[in-house]
């Protein structure tokens, strides 16, 4: 039978170890970096789209 630790919840016993904490921190860091990169890509795409729309508007106005 498993020994009771007095902690409620469904976490595994390895969750308290420093390796698990470091691994979790690494995953969180990776997720943060991925979010930052995707925001940069989205901002770049929007700014390029706005620039193309303004250029198209300038061509239509001259005609």
N, C-alpha and C. Protein backbone atom coordinates (compact mmCIF):
# COMPACT_ATOMS: atom_id res chain seq x y z
N UNK A 1 0.84 -1.17 0.00
CA UNK A 1 0.00 0.00 0.00
C UNK A 1 0.89 1.24 0.00
N UNK A 2 0.47 2.25 -0.70
CA UNK A 2 1.25 3.49 -0.79
C UNK A 2 1.22 4.24 0.53
N UNK A 3 2.31 4.88 0.82
CA UNK A 3 2.41 5.66 2.05
C UNK A 3 1.73 7.01 1.85
N UNK A 4 0.92 7.42 2.81
CA UNK A 4 0.20 8.68 2.72
C UNK A 4 1.15 9.83 3.04
N UNK A 5 1.08 10.90 2.24
CA UNK A 5 1.96 12.05 2.44
C UNK A 5 1.25 13.22 3.09
N UNK A 6 -0.05 13.16 3.23
CA UNK A 6 -0.80 14.26 3.83
C UNK A 6 -1.11 15.37 2.83
N UNK A 7 -0.77 15.17 1.58
CA UNK A 7 -1.04 16.18 0.55
C UNK A 7 -2.24 15.74 -0.27
N UNK A 8 -3.17 16.64 -0.48
CA UNK A 8 -4.35 16.33 -1.28
C UNK A 8 -4.06 16.58 -2.75
N UNK A 9 -4.72 15.88 -3.62
CA UNK A 9 -4.57 16.10 -5.05
C UNK A 9 -4.13 14.86 -5.77
N UNK A 10 -3.89 15.01 -7.06
CA UNK A 10 -3.57 13.87 -7.90
C UNK A 10 -2.18 13.96 -8.50
N UNK A 11 -1.30 14.73 -7.92
CA UNK A 11 0.05 14.83 -8.46
C UNK A 11 0.85 13.59 -8.12
N UNK A 12 1.79 13.30 -8.97
CA UNK A 12 2.63 12.14 -8.74
C UNK A 12 3.69 12.47 -7.69
N UNK A 13 4.25 11.46 -7.04
CA UNK A 13 5.28 11.72 -6.02
C UNK A 13 6.52 12.40 -6.60
N UNK A 14 6.77 12.25 -7.90
CA UNK A 14 7.95 12.86 -8.49
C UNK A 14 7.77 14.37 -8.67
N UNK A 15 6.56 14.87 -8.52
CA UNK A 15 6.30 16.29 -8.73
C UNK A 15 7.04 17.16 -7.71
N UNK A 16 7.43 16.59 -6.58
CA UNK A 16 8.12 17.37 -5.57
C UNK A 16 9.62 17.43 -5.81
N UNK A 17 10.13 16.67 -6.68
CA UNK A 17 11.57 16.62 -6.88
C UNK A 17 12.04 17.80 -7.72
N UNK A 18 13.30 18.17 -7.53
CA UNK A 18 13.84 19.35 -8.21
C UNK A 18 13.92 19.14 -9.72
N UNK A 19 14.14 17.90 -10.16
CA UNK A 19 14.20 17.63 -11.60
C UNK A 19 12.87 17.97 -12.26
N UNK A 20 11.78 17.60 -11.62
CA UNK A 20 10.46 17.88 -12.17
C UNK A 20 10.21 19.38 -12.21
N UNK A 21 10.67 20.10 -11.19
CA UNK A 21 10.49 21.55 -11.17
C UNK A 21 11.31 22.21 -12.28
N UNK A 22 12.54 21.73 -12.49
CA UNK A 22 13.36 22.30 -13.56
C UNK A 22 12.76 21.99 -14.93
N UNK A 23 12.24 20.79 -15.08
CA UNK A 23 11.63 20.40 -16.35
C UNK A 23 10.41 21.28 -16.63
N UNK A 24 9.60 21.49 -15.61
CA UNK A 24 8.42 22.33 -15.76
C UNK A 24 8.81 23.77 -16.11
N UNK A 25 9.86 24.27 -15.49
CA UNK A 25 10.33 25.62 -15.79
C UNK A 25 10.83 25.70 -17.23
N UNK A 26 11.48 24.66 -17.70
CA UNK A 26 11.95 24.63 -19.08
C UNK A 26 10.80 24.64 -20.07
N UNK A 27 9.77 23.89 -19.76
CA UNK A 27 8.59 23.84 -20.64
C UNK A 27 7.90 25.20 -20.66
N UNK A 28 7.79 25.84 -19.49
CA UNK A 28 7.17 27.16 -19.42
C UNK A 28 7.99 28.19 -20.19
N UNK A 29 9.31 28.12 -20.09
CA UNK A 29 10.17 29.03 -20.82
C UNK A 29 10.02 28.84 -22.32
N UNK A 30 9.99 27.59 -22.76
CA UNK A 30 9.79 27.29 -24.18
C UNK A 30 8.44 27.81 -24.68
N UNK A 31 7.40 27.63 -23.89
CA UNK A 31 6.06 28.10 -24.28
C UNK A 31 6.04 29.63 -24.37
N UNK A 32 6.72 30.30 -23.45
CA UNK A 32 6.77 31.76 -23.47
C UNK A 32 7.52 32.25 -24.70
N UNK A 33 8.63 31.63 -25.02
CA UNK A 33 9.40 32.02 -26.21
C UNK A 33 8.60 31.76 -27.49
N UNK A 34 7.91 30.63 -27.54
CA UNK A 34 7.09 30.32 -28.72
C UNK A 34 5.97 31.33 -28.89
N UNK A 35 5.36 31.76 -27.79
CA UNK A 35 4.32 32.77 -27.86
C UNK A 35 4.87 34.10 -28.35
N UNK A 36 6.05 34.49 -27.86
CA UNK A 36 6.67 35.74 -28.29
C UNK A 36 7.00 35.71 -29.78
N UNK A 37 7.53 34.60 -30.26
CA UNK A 37 7.87 34.49 -31.68
C UNK A 37 6.61 34.53 -32.53
N UNK A 38 5.57 33.85 -32.10
CA UNK A 38 4.33 33.85 -32.90
C UNK A 38 3.69 35.24 -32.91
N UNK A 39 3.81 36.00 -31.83
CA UNK A 39 3.30 37.36 -31.82
C UNK A 39 4.09 38.24 -32.79
N UNK A 40 5.39 38.06 -32.84
CA UNK A 40 6.21 38.82 -33.79
C UNK A 40 5.84 38.48 -35.24
N UNK A 41 5.62 37.22 -35.51
CA UNK A 41 5.22 36.80 -36.86
C UNK A 41 3.86 37.40 -37.21
N UNK A 42 2.93 37.37 -36.29
CA UNK A 42 1.61 37.92 -36.56
C UNK A 42 1.68 39.43 -36.78
N UNK A 43 2.45 40.14 -35.96
CA UNK A 43 2.59 41.59 -36.12
C UNK A 43 3.23 41.93 -37.46
N UNK A 44 4.22 41.14 -37.86
CA UNK A 44 4.86 41.37 -39.15
C UNK A 44 3.88 41.14 -40.30
N UNK A 45 3.10 40.09 -40.22
CA UNK A 45 2.12 39.81 -41.27
C UNK A 45 1.07 40.91 -41.37
N UNK A 46 0.62 41.40 -40.24
CA UNK A 46 -0.38 42.47 -40.25
C UNK A 46 0.21 43.75 -40.83
N UNK A 47 1.44 44.09 -40.44
CA UNK A 47 2.05 45.32 -40.96
C UNK A 47 2.32 45.21 -42.46
N UNK A 48 2.72 44.06 -42.94
CA UNK A 48 2.91 43.87 -44.38
C UNK A 48 1.57 43.99 -45.11
N UNK A 49 0.54 43.41 -44.55
CA UNK A 49 -0.79 43.52 -45.16
C UNK A 49 -1.28 44.95 -45.20
N UNK A 50 -1.03 45.71 -44.14
CA UNK A 50 -1.43 47.12 -44.14
C UNK A 50 -0.65 47.92 -45.17
N UNK A 51 0.64 47.64 -45.31
CA UNK A 51 1.45 48.34 -46.29
C UNK A 51 0.99 48.03 -47.71
N UNK A 52 0.64 46.79 -47.97
CA UNK A 52 0.16 46.43 -49.31
C UNK A 52 -1.19 47.08 -49.59
N UNK A 53 -2.04 47.16 -48.58
CA UNK A 53 -3.35 47.79 -48.76
C UNK A 53 -3.20 49.28 -49.04
N UNK A 54 -2.28 49.94 -48.36
CA UNK A 54 -2.05 51.37 -48.61
C UNK A 54 -1.47 51.59 -50.00
N UNK A 55 -0.57 50.71 -50.44
CA UNK A 55 -0.01 50.84 -51.77
C UNK A 55 -1.09 50.64 -52.83
N UNK A 56 -1.96 49.68 -52.62
CA UNK A 56 -3.06 49.43 -53.56
C UNK A 56 -4.00 50.62 -53.58
N UNK A 57 -4.26 51.21 -52.43
CA UNK A 57 -5.13 52.39 -52.35
C UNK A 57 -4.50 53.56 -53.11
N UNK A 58 -3.20 53.73 -53.03
CA UNK A 58 -2.52 54.81 -53.74
C UNK A 58 -2.62 54.62 -55.24
N UNK A 59 -2.54 53.39 -55.72
CA UNK A 59 -2.66 53.10 -57.14
C UNK A 59 -4.07 53.37 -57.63
N UNK A 60 -5.05 53.00 -56.85
CA UNK A 60 -6.46 53.20 -57.25
C UNK A 60 -6.79 54.69 -57.27
N UNK A 61 -6.27 55.46 -56.33
CA UNK A 61 -6.56 56.89 -56.27
C UNK A 61 -5.96 57.60 -57.48
N UNK A 62 -4.80 57.20 -57.95
CA UNK A 62 -4.14 57.84 -59.08
C UNK A 62 -4.85 57.55 -60.40
N UNK A 63 -5.58 56.45 -60.46
CA UNK A 63 -6.29 56.12 -61.70
C UNK A 63 -7.49 56.98 -61.78
